[in-house]
Structure formats: C-alpha cells, structure tokens
Amino acid sequence: MICVKTVFLARAGDVVGKHIHGFELPEGATLRDLIKEIGEKLSRRFYEGVMTGRLVFAIFVNGKPVDELDYRLKDGDRVVFTTPEMGG
C-alpha cells in the first residue's frame, strides 16, 4: 500500500467539500486510480466531471504539473488539484 496526500484548492475544494484528505492506494496506483477513489469516498461529482471532461483541474504531483492520468503514484506523494489559470 502507498499513502498519498491530496489537496483540493479553489473550485476543486468546492466540488469535493474538503481541502485535504489522505488516501491509501495499492502499490502501482495511478492518478486515474486516485480520482476513482476520490469519487468513491468523497465526491462522485468530482470523479464523473473529471473523467468526462466537464470539470478541468490542473494537477500537480510534488509541485510538478502532471497531465497523464496513467502517471504512477509513489508512497508519500502530494497531489494537488486546482483550477487552471485562465488568461484574458
């Protein structure tokens, strides 16, 4: 098992209803697995929105942007979901 800390900022926190949560995932888990777990434990709306593209969040793992849902997580990773910056 691996332990991952998730942080939900801005709109992500509004959708999930909390800002910090820890998850235990099986060894070899990916961002996709984490998002599924978020849907099962915290917010089905978050999971369905992300997977269908209705909700778009910038994702950072240990401070680095990640855009591949097949990104493999490691024990102790910190995953941040936040609203992407918009120009204008």
PDB file of N, CA and C in Angstrom:
ATOM      1  N   MET A   1       0.838  -1.190   0.000  1.00  0.00           N
ATOM      2  CA  MET A   1       0.000   0.000   0.000  1.00  0.00           C
ATOM      3  C   MET A   1       0.881   1.251   0.000  1.00  0.00           C
ATOM      4  N   ILE A   2       0.358   2.304  -0.628  1.00  0.00           N
ATOM      5  CA  ILE A   2       1.031   3.598  -0.596  1.00  0.00           C
ATOM      6  C   ILE A   2       0.074   4.618   0.022  1.00  0.00           C
ATOM      7  N   CYS A   3       0.615   5.632   0.657  1.00  0.00           N
ATOM      8  CA  CYS A   3      -0.181   6.724   1.215  1.00  0.00           C
ATOM      9  C   CYS A   3       0.062   7.973   0.378  1.00  0.00           C
ATOM     10  N   VAL A   4      -1.027   8.603  -0.029  1.00  0.00           N
ATOM     11  CA  VAL A   4      -0.965   9.801  -0.858  1.00  0.00           C
ATOM     12  C   VAL A   4      -1.781  10.891  -0.173  1.00  0.00           C
ATOM     13  N   LYS A   5      -1.235  12.088  -0.100  1.00  0.00           N
ATOM     14  CA  LYS A   5      -1.959  13.233   0.464  1.00  0.00           C
ATOM     15  C   LYS A   5      -2.519  14.041  -0.697  1.00  0.00           C
ATOM     16  N   THR A   6      -3.813  14.322  -0.666  1.00  0.00           N
ATOM     17  CA  THR A   6      -4.421  15.136  -1.708  1.00  0.00           C
ATOM     18  C   THR A   6      -4.833  16.487  -1.129  1.00  0.00           C
ATOM     19  N   VAL A   7      -4.657  17.515  -1.951  1.00  0.00           N
ATOM     20  CA  VAL A   7      -5.031  18.872  -1.590  1.00  0.00           C
ATOM     21  C   VAL A   7      -5.954  19.382  -2.698  1.00  0.00           C
ATOM     22  N   PHE A   8      -7.112  19.895  -2.295  1.00  0.00           N
ATOM     23  CA  PHE A   8      -8.100  20.405  -3.245  1.00  0.00           C
ATOM     24  C   PHE A   8      -8.208  21.914  -3.057  1.00  0.00           C
ATOM     25  N   LEU A   9      -7.748  22.672  -4.037  1.00  0.00           N
ATOM     26  CA  LEU A   9      -7.759  24.128  -3.952  1.00  0.00           C
ATOM     27  C   LEU A   9      -8.844  24.707  -4.860  1.00  0.00           C
ATOM     28  N   ALA A  10      -9.265  25.927  -4.546  1.00  0.00           N
ATOM     29  CA  ALA A  10     -10.216  26.679  -5.368  1.00  0.00           C
ATOM     30  C   ALA A  10     -11.468  25.840  -5.652  1.00  0.00           C
ATOM     31  N   ARG A  11     -11.880  25.767  -6.892  1.00  0.00           N
ATOM     32  CA  ARG A  11     -13.113  25.056  -7.280  1.00  0.00           C
ATOM     33  C   ARG A  11     -13.058  23.576  -6.912  1.00  0.00           C
ATOM     34  N   ALA A  12     -11.886  22.963  -6.970  1.00  0.00           N
ATOM     35  CA  ALA A  12     -11.770  21.540  -6.615  1.00  0.00           C
ATOM     36  C   ALA A  12     -12.222  21.320  -5.176  1.00  0.00           C
ATOM     37  N   GLY A  13     -11.827  22.218  -4.274  1.00  0.00           N
ATOM     38  CA  GLY A  13     -12.254  22.118  -2.882  1.00  0.00           C
ATOM     39  C   GLY A  13     -13.758  22.293  -2.738  1.00  0.00           C
ATOM     40  N   ASP A  14     -14.331  23.175  -3.540  1.00  0.00           N
ATOM     41  CA  ASP A  14     -15.783  23.375  -3.505  1.00  0.00           C
ATOM     42  C   ASP A  14     -16.525  22.118  -3.954  1.00  0.00           C
ATOM     43  N   VAL A  15     -16.040  21.479  -5.003  1.00  0.00           N
ATOM     44  CA  VAL A  15     -16.702  20.288  -5.541  1.00  0.00           C
ATOM     45  C   VAL A  15     -16.572  19.112  -4.572  1.00  0.00           C
ATOM     46  N   VAL A  16     -15.401  18.942  -3.991  1.00  0.00           N
ATOM     47  CA  VAL A  16     -15.161  17.799  -3.105  1.00  0.00           C
ATOM     48  C   VAL A  16     -15.743  18.037  -1.714  1.00  0.00           C
ATOM     49  N   GLY A  17     -15.749  19.293  -1.271  1.00  0.00           N
ATOM     50  CA  GLY A  17     -16.288  19.597   0.040  1.00  0.00           C
ATOM     51  C   GLY A  17     -15.263  19.558   1.155  1.00  0.00           C
ATOM     52  N   LYS A  18     -14.006  19.417   0.796  1.00  0.00           N
ATOM     53  CA  LYS A  18     -12.914  19.493   1.770  1.00  0.00           C
ATOM     54  C   LYS A  18     -11.661  19.895   1.039  1.00  0.00           C
ATOM     55  N   HIS A  19     -10.623  20.215   1.783  1.00  0.00           N
ATOM     56  CA  HIS A  19      -9.411  20.722   1.136  1.00  0.00           C
ATOM     57  C   HIS A  19      -8.210  19.788   1.252  1.00  0.00           C
ATOM     58  N   ILE A  20      -8.197  18.921   2.240  1.00  0.00           N
ATOM     59  CA  ILE A  20      -7.076  17.989   2.400  1.00  0.00           C
ATOM     60  C   ILE A  20      -7.635  16.626   2.786  1.00  0.00           C
ATOM     61  N   HIS A  21      -7.091  15.586   2.162  1.00  0.00           N
ATOM     62  CA  HIS A  21      -7.517  14.225   2.500  1.00  0.00           C
ATOM     63  C   HIS A  21      -6.389  13.258   2.151  1.00  0.00           C
ATOM     64  N   GLY A  22      -6.197  12.271   2.975  1.00  0.00           N
ATOM     65  CA  GLY A  22      -5.204  11.236   2.704  1.00  0.00           C
ATOM     66  C   GLY A  22      -5.868   9.974   2.176  1.00  0.00           C
ATOM     67  N   PHE A  23      -5.182   9.295   1.287  1.00  0.00           N
ATOM     68  CA  PHE A  23      -5.698   8.055   0.712  1.00  0.00           C
ATOM     69  C   PHE A  23      -4.644   6.968   0.800  1.00  0.00           C
ATOM     70  N   GLU A  24      -5.077   5.752   1.044  1.00  0.00           N
ATOM     71  CA  GLU A  24      -4.223   4.576   0.912  1.00  0.00           C
ATOM     72  C   GLU A  24      -4.628   3.882  -0.372  1.00  0.00           C
ATOM     73  N   LEU A  25      -3.650   3.638  -1.218  1.00  0.00           N
ATOM     74  CA  LEU A  25      -3.889   3.025  -2.524  1.00  0.00           C
ATOM     75  C   LEU A  25      -2.970   1.825  -2.686  1.00  0.00           C
ATOM     76  N   PRO A  26      -3.330   0.888  -3.542  1.00  0.00           N
ATOM     77  CA  PRO A  26      -2.440  -0.248  -3.777  1.00  0.00           C
ATOM     78  C   PRO A  26      -1.150   0.184  -4.475  1.00  0.00           C
ATOM     79  N   GLU A  27      -0.103  -0.552  -4.243  1.00  0.00           N
ATOM     80  CA  GLU A  27       1.175  -0.321  -4.921  1.00  0.00           C
ATOM     81  C   GLU A  27       0.924  -0.289  -6.431  1.00  0.00           C
ATOM     82  N   GLY A  28       1.522   0.675  -7.124  1.00  0.00           N
ATOM     83  CA  GLY A  28       1.352   0.784  -8.575  1.00  0.00           C
ATOM     84  C   GLY A  28       0.150   1.605  -8.996  1.00  0.00           C
ATOM     85  N   ALA A  29      -0.549   2.231  -8.042  1.00  0.00           N
ATOM     86  CA  ALA A  29      -1.734   3.026  -8.362  1.00  0.00           C
ATOM     87  C   ALA A  29      -1.357   4.243  -9.210  1.00  0.00           C
ATOM     88  N   THR A  30      -2.303   4.661 -10.035  1.00  0.00           N
ATOM     89  CA  THR A  30      -2.114   5.810 -10.921  1.00  0.00           C
ATOM     90  C   THR A  30      -3.016   6.964 -10.496  1.00  0.00           C
ATOM     91  N   LEU A  31      -2.833   8.108 -11.145  1.00  0.00           N
ATOM     92  CA  LEU A  31      -3.730   9.233 -10.901  1.00  0.00           C
ATOM     93  C   LEU A  31      -5.180   8.849 -11.187  1.00  0.00           C
ATOM     94  N   ARG A  32      -5.385   8.059 -12.216  1.00  0.00           N
ATOM     95  CA  ARG A  32      -6.742   7.596 -12.553  1.00  0.00           C
ATOM     96  C   ARG A  32      -7.339   6.829 -11.374  1.00  0.00           C
ATOM     97  N   ASP A  33      -6.527   5.961 -10.744  1.00  0.00           N
ATOM     98  CA  ASP A  33      -6.991   5.204  -9.580  1.00  0.00           C
ATOM     99  C   ASP A  33      -7.329   6.140  -8.425  1.00  0.00           C
ATOM    100  N   LEU A  34      -6.507   7.163  -8.223  1.00  0.00           N
ATOM    101  CA  LEU A  34      -6.763   8.123  -7.167  1.00  0.00           C
ATOM    102  C   LEU A  34      -8.065   8.869  -7.421  1.00  0.00           C
ATOM    103  N   ILE A  35      -8.288   9.305  -8.641  1.00  0.00           N
ATOM    104  CA  ILE A  35      -9.511  10.033  -8.984  1.00  0.00           C
ATOM    105  C   ILE A  35     -10.738   9.142  -8.763  1.00  0.00           C
ATOM    106  N   LYS A  36     -10.617   7.874  -9.102  1.00  0.00           N
ATOM    107  CA  LYS A  36     -11.719   6.932  -8.852  1.00  0.00           C
ATOM    108  C   LYS A  36     -11.985   6.816  -7.354  1.00  0.00           C
ATOM    109  N   GLU A  37     -10.928   6.734  -6.566  1.00  0.00           N
ATOM    110  CA  GLU A  37     -11.054   6.643  -5.106  1.00  0.00           C
ATOM    111  C   GLU A  37     -11.694   7.910  -4.535  1.00  0.00           C
ATOM    112  N   ILE A  38     -11.326   9.064  -5.076  1.00  0.00           N
ATOM    113  CA  ILE A  38     -11.952  10.318  -4.651  1.00  0.00           C
ATOM    114  C   ILE A  38     -13.451  10.256  -4.920  1.00  0.00           C
ATOM    115  N   GLY A  39     -13.819   9.728  -6.075  1.00  0.00           N
ATOM    116  CA  GLY A  39     -15.234   9.592  -6.421  1.00  0.00           C
ATOM    117  C   GLY A  39     -15.978   8.668  -5.484  1.00  0.00           C
ATOM    118  N   GLU A  40     -15.340   7.584  -5.074  1.00  0.00           N
ATOM    119  CA  GLU A  40     -15.992   6.617  -4.193  1.00  0.00           C
ATOM    120  C   GLU A  40     -16.079   7.114  -2.753  1.00  0.00           C
ATOM    121  N   LYS A  41     -15.066   7.841  -2.304  1.00  0.00           N
ATOM    122  CA  LYS A  41     -15.017   8.211  -0.885  1.00  0.00           C
ATOM    123  C   LYS A  41     -15.460   9.646  -0.599  1.00  0.00           C
ATOM    124  N   LEU A  42     -15.303  10.557  -1.572  1.00  0.00           N
ATOM    125  CA  LEU A  42     -15.575  11.963  -1.283  1.00  0.00           C
ATOM    126  C   LEU A  42     -16.627  12.606  -2.177  1.00  0.00           C
ATOM    127  N   SER A  43     -16.514  12.418  -3.497  1.00  0.00           N
ATOM    128  CA  SER A  43     -17.401  13.152  -4.391  1.00  0.00           C
ATOM    129  C   SER A  43     -17.545  12.457  -5.746  1.00  0.00           C
ATOM    130  N   ARG A  44     -18.696  11.846  -5.942  1.00  0.00           N
ATOM    131  CA  ARG A  44     -18.984  11.223  -7.241  1.00  0.00           C
ATOM    132  C   ARG A  44     -18.961  12.283  -8.348  1.00  0.00           C
ATOM    133  N   ARG A  45     -19.417  13.489  -8.010  1.00  0.00           N
ATOM    134  CA  ARG A  45     -19.442  14.587  -8.985  1.00  0.00           C
ATOM    135  C   ARG A  45     -18.030  14.913  -9.479  1.00  0.00           C
ATOM    136  N   PHE A  46     -17.055  14.923  -8.580  1.00  0.00           N
ATOM    137  CA  PHE A  46     -15.664  15.190  -8.946  1.00  0.00           C
ATOM    138  C   PHE A  46     -15.196  14.130  -9.946  1.00  0.00           C
ATOM    139  N   TYR A  47     -15.376  12.862  -9.602  1.00  0.00           N
ATOM    140  CA  TYR A  47     -14.939  11.753 -10.464  1.00  0.00           C
ATOM    141  C   TYR A  47     -15.586  11.841 -11.848  1.00  0.00           C
ATOM    142  N   GLU A  48     -16.910  11.933 -11.871  1.00  0.00           N
ATOM    143  CA  GLU A  48     -17.610  11.950 -13.161  1.00  0.00           C
ATOM    144  C   GLU A  48     -17.235  13.183 -13.974  1.00  0.00           C
ATOM    145  N   GLY A  49     -17.093  14.334 -13.308  1.00  0.00           N
ATOM    146  CA  GLY A  49     -16.735  15.561 -14.010  1.00  0.00           C
ATOM    147  C   GLY A  49     -15.353  15.496 -14.634  1.00  0.00           C
ATOM    148  N   VAL A  50     -14.385  14.981 -13.893  1.00  0.00           N
ATOM    149  CA  VAL A  50     -13.014  14.876 -14.407  1.00  0.00           C
ATOM    150  C   VAL A  50     -12.951  13.857 -15.548  1.00  0.00           C
ATOM    151  N   MET A  51     -13.584  12.716 -15.357  1.00  0.00           N
ATOM    152  CA  MET A  51     -13.488  11.651 -16.362  1.00  0.00           C
ATOM    153  C   MET A  51     -14.222  11.990 -17.661  1.00  0.00           C
ATOM    154  N   THR A  52     -15.262  12.826 -17.578  1.00  0.00           N
ATOM    155  CA  THR A  52     -15.993  13.197 -18.798  1.00  0.00           C
ATOM    156  C   THR A  52     -15.480  14.496 -19.401  1.00  0.00           C
ATOM    157  N   GLY A  53     -14.590  15.191 -18.690  1.00  0.00           N
ATOM    158  CA  GLY A  53     -14.057  16.452 -19.190  1.00  0.00           C
ATOM    159  C   GLY A  53     -14.909  17.660 -18.852  1.00  0.00           C
ATOM    160  N   ARG A  54     -15.995  17.471 -18.091  1.00  0.00           N
ATOM    161  CA  ARG A  54     -16.832  18.612 -17.689  1.00  0.00           C
ATOM    162  C   ARG A  54     -16.130  19.460 -16.632  1.00  0.00           C
ATOM    163  N   LEU A  55     -15.294  18.836 -15.809  1.00  0.00           N
ATOM    164  CA  LEU A  55     -14.503  19.561 -14.815  1.00  0.00           C
ATOM    165  C   LEU A  55     -13.034  19.415 -15.181  1.00  0.00           C
ATOM    166  N   VAL A  56     -12.360  20.531 -15.299  1.00  0.00           N
ATOM    167  CA  VAL A  56     -10.944  20.520 -15.666  1.00  0.00           C
ATOM    168  C   VAL A  56     -10.143  21.134 -14.526  1.00  0.00           C
ATOM    169  N   PHE A  57      -9.176  20.390 -14.039  1.00  0.00           N
ATOM    170  CA  PHE A  57      -8.309  20.880 -12.976  1.00  0.00           C
ATOM    171  C   PHE A  57      -6.857  20.718 -13.385  1.00  0.00           C
ATOM    172  N   ALA A  58      -6.030  21.654 -12.944  1.00  0.00           N
ATOM    173  CA  ALA A  58      -4.587  21.475 -13.072  1.00  0.00           C
ATOM    174  C   ALA A  58      -4.189  20.514 -11.953  1.00  0.00           C
ATOM    175  N   ILE A  59      -3.338  19.553 -12.272  1.00  0.00           N
ATOM    176  CA  ILE A  59      -2.912  18.548 -11.294  1.00  0.00           C
ATOM    177  C   ILE A  59      -1.406  18.656 -11.122  1.00  0.00           C
ATOM    178  N   PHE A  60      -0.981  18.726  -9.880  1.00  0.00           N
ATOM    179  CA  PHE A  60       0.440  18.789  -9.547  1.00  0.00           C
ATOM    180  C   PHE A  60       0.770  17.633  -8.606  1.00  0.00           C
ATOM    181  N   VAL A  61       1.848  16.937  -8.902  1.00  0.00           N
ATOM    182  CA  VAL A  61       2.352  15.890  -8.009  1.00  0.00           C
ATOM    183  C   VAL A  61       3.707  16.361  -7.499  1.00  0.00           C
ATOM    184  N   ASN A  62       3.784  16.543  -6.198  1.00  0.00           N
ATOM    185  CA  ASN A  62       5.002  17.053  -5.563  1.00  0.00           C
ATOM    186  C   ASN A  62       5.489  18.346  -6.215  1.00  0.00           C
ATOM    187  N   GLY A  63       4.525  19.216  -6.561  1.00  0.00           N
ATOM    188  CA  GLY A  63       4.849  20.530  -7.106  1.00  0.00           C
ATOM    189  C   GLY A  63       5.093  20.584  -8.600  1.00  0.00           C
ATOM    190  N   LYS A  64       5.035  19.442  -9.287  1.00  0.00           N
ATOM    191  CA  LYS A  64       5.270  19.422 -10.736  1.00  0.00           C
ATOM    192  C   LYS A  64       3.971  19.108 -11.468  1.00  0.00           C
ATOM    193  N   PRO A  65       3.672  19.857 -12.545  1.00  0.00           N
ATOM    194  CA  PRO A  65       2.429  19.598 -13.273  1.00  0.00           C
ATOM    195  C   PRO A  65       2.445  18.218 -13.928  1.00  0.00           C
ATOM    196  N   VAL A  66       1.297  17.548 -13.849  1.00  0.00           N
ATOM    197  CA  VAL A  66       1.135  16.223 -14.459  1.00  0.00           C
ATOM    198  C   VAL A  66      -0.186  16.233 -15.211  1.00  0.00           C
ATOM    199  N   ASP A  67      -0.162  15.794 -16.466  1.00  0.00           N
ATOM    200  CA  ASP A  67      -1.410  15.768 -17.232  1.00  0.00           C
ATOM    201  C   ASP A  67      -1.762  14.374 -17.743  1.00  0.00           C
ATOM    202  N   GLU A  68      -1.040  13.373 -17.309  1.00  0.00           N
ATOM    203  CA  GLU A  68      -1.315  11.987 -17.713  1.00  0.00           C
ATOM    204  C   GLU A  68      -2.002  11.246 -16.580  1.00  0.00           C
ATOM    205  N   LEU A  69      -3.210  10.759 -16.812  1.00  0.00           N
ATOM    206  CA  LEU A  69      -3.915  10.032 -15.759  1.00  0.00           C
ATOM    207  C   LEU A  69      -3.283   8.678 -15.458  1.00  0.00           C
ATOM    208  N   ASP A  70      -2.408   8.200 -16.336  1.00  0.00           N
ATOM    209  CA  ASP A  70      -1.710   6.941 -16.081  1.00  0.00           C
ATOM    210  C   ASP A  70      -0.402   7.149 -15.316  1.00  0.00           C
ATOM    211  N   TYR A  71      -0.161   8.373 -14.841  1.00  0.00           N
ATOM    212  CA  TYR A  71       1.022   8.671 -14.036  1.00  0.00           C
ATOM    213  C   TYR A  71       0.983   7.815 -12.776  1.00  0.00           C
ATOM    214  N   ARG A  72       2.063   7.082 -12.526  1.00  0.00           N
ATOM    215  CA  ARG A  72       2.140   6.166 -11.389  1.00  0.00           C
ATOM    216  C   ARG A  72       2.541   6.929 -10.122  1.00  0.00           C
ATOM    217  N   LEU A  73       1.732   6.785  -9.091  1.00  0.00           N
ATOM    218  CA  LEU A  73       1.989   7.460  -7.819  1.00  0.00           C
ATOM    219  C   LEU A  73       2.925   6.637  -6.935  1.00  0.00           C
ATOM    220  N   LYS A  74       3.602   7.360  -6.033  1.00  0.00           N
ATOM    221  CA  LYS A  74       4.521   6.703  -5.094  1.00  0.00           C
ATOM    222  C   LYS A  74       4.110   7.052  -3.667  1.00  0.00           C
ATOM    223  N   ASP A  75       4.548   6.239  -2.737  1.00  0.00           N
ATOM    224  CA  ASP A  75       4.270   6.476  -1.330  1.00  0.00           C
ATOM    225  C   ASP A  75       4.776   7.865  -0.928  1.00  0.00           C
ATOM    226  N   GLY A  76       3.926   8.619  -0.252  1.00  0.00           N
ATOM    227  CA  GLY A  76       4.305   9.946   0.220  1.00  0.00           C
ATOM    228  C   GLY A  76       4.045  11.071  -0.760  1.00  0.00           C
ATOM    229  N   ASP A  77       3.551  10.762  -1.960  1.00  0.00           N
ATOM    230  CA  ASP A  77       3.264  11.817  -2.934  1.00  0.00           C
ATOM    231  C   ASP A  77       2.205  12.772  -2.408  1.00  0.00           C
ATOM    232  N   ARG A  78       2.340  14.027  -2.811  1.00  0.00           N
ATOM    233  CA  ARG A  78       1.358  15.083  -2.505  1.00  0.00           C
ATOM    234  C   ARG A  78       0.742  15.496  -3.835  1.00  0.00           C
ATOM    235  N   VAL A  79      -0.554  15.275  -3.987  1.00  0.00           N
ATOM    236  CA  VAL A  79      -1.256  15.562  -5.234  1.00  0.00           C
ATOM    237  C   VAL A  79      -2.195  16.743  -5.004  1.00  0.00           C
ATOM    238  N   VAL A  80      -2.027  17.786  -5.815  1.00  0.00           N
ATOM    239  CA  VAL A  80      -2.844  18.988  -5.690  1.00  0.00           C
ATOM    240  C   VAL A  80      -3.724  19.118  -6.928  1.00  0.00           C
ATOM    241  N   PHE A  81      -5.021  19.332  -6.687  1.00  0.00           N
ATOM    242  CA  PHE A  81      -5.983  19.628  -7.748  1.00  0.00           C
ATOM    243  C   PHE A  81      -6.400  21.081  -7.566  1.00  0.00           C
ATOM    244  N   THR A  82      -6.292  21.876  -8.632  1.00  0.00           N
ATOM    245  CA  THR A  82      -6.682  23.285  -8.541  1.00  0.00           C
ATOM    246  C   THR A  82      -7.251  23.743  -9.874  1.00  0.00           C
ATOM    247  N   THR A  83      -7.917  24.871  -9.840  1.00  0.00           N
ATOM    248  CA  THR A  83      -8.469  25.448 -11.061  1.00  0.00           C
ATOM    249  C   THR A  83      -7.313  25.953 -11.920  1.00  0.00           C
ATOM    250  N   PRO A  84      -7.299  25.599 -13.207  1.00  0.00           N
ATOM    251  CA  PRO A  84      -6.214  26.094 -14.067  1.00  0.00           C
ATOM    252  C   PRO A  84      -6.290  27.603 -14.220  1.00  0.00           C
ATOM    253  N   GLU A  85      -5.143  28.216 -14.401  1.00  0.00           N
ATOM    254  CA  GLU A  85      -5.110  29.673 -14.614  1.00  0.00           C
ATOM    255  C   GLU A  85      -5.707  29.968 -15.985  1.00  0.00           C
ATOM    256  N   MET A  86      -6.424  31.060 -16.037  1.00  0.00           N
ATOM    257  CA  MET A  86      -7.042  31.463 -17.296  1.00  0.00           C
ATOM    258  C   MET A  86      -6.515  32.831 -17.683  1.00  0.00           C
ATOM    259  N   GLY A  87      -6.265  33.008 -18.945  1.00  0.00           N
ATOM    260  CA  GLY A  87      -5.816  34.319 -19.433  1.00  0.00           C
ATOM    261  C   GLY A  87      -7.012  35.190 -19.799  1.00  0.00           C
ATOM    262  N   GLY A  88      -6.723  36.415 -20.109  1.00  0.00           N
ATOM    263  CA  GLY A  88      -7.873  37.221 -20.507  1.00  0.00           C
ATOM    264  C   GLY A  88      -7.562  38.622 -20.812  1.00  0.00           C
TER     265      GLY A  88
END
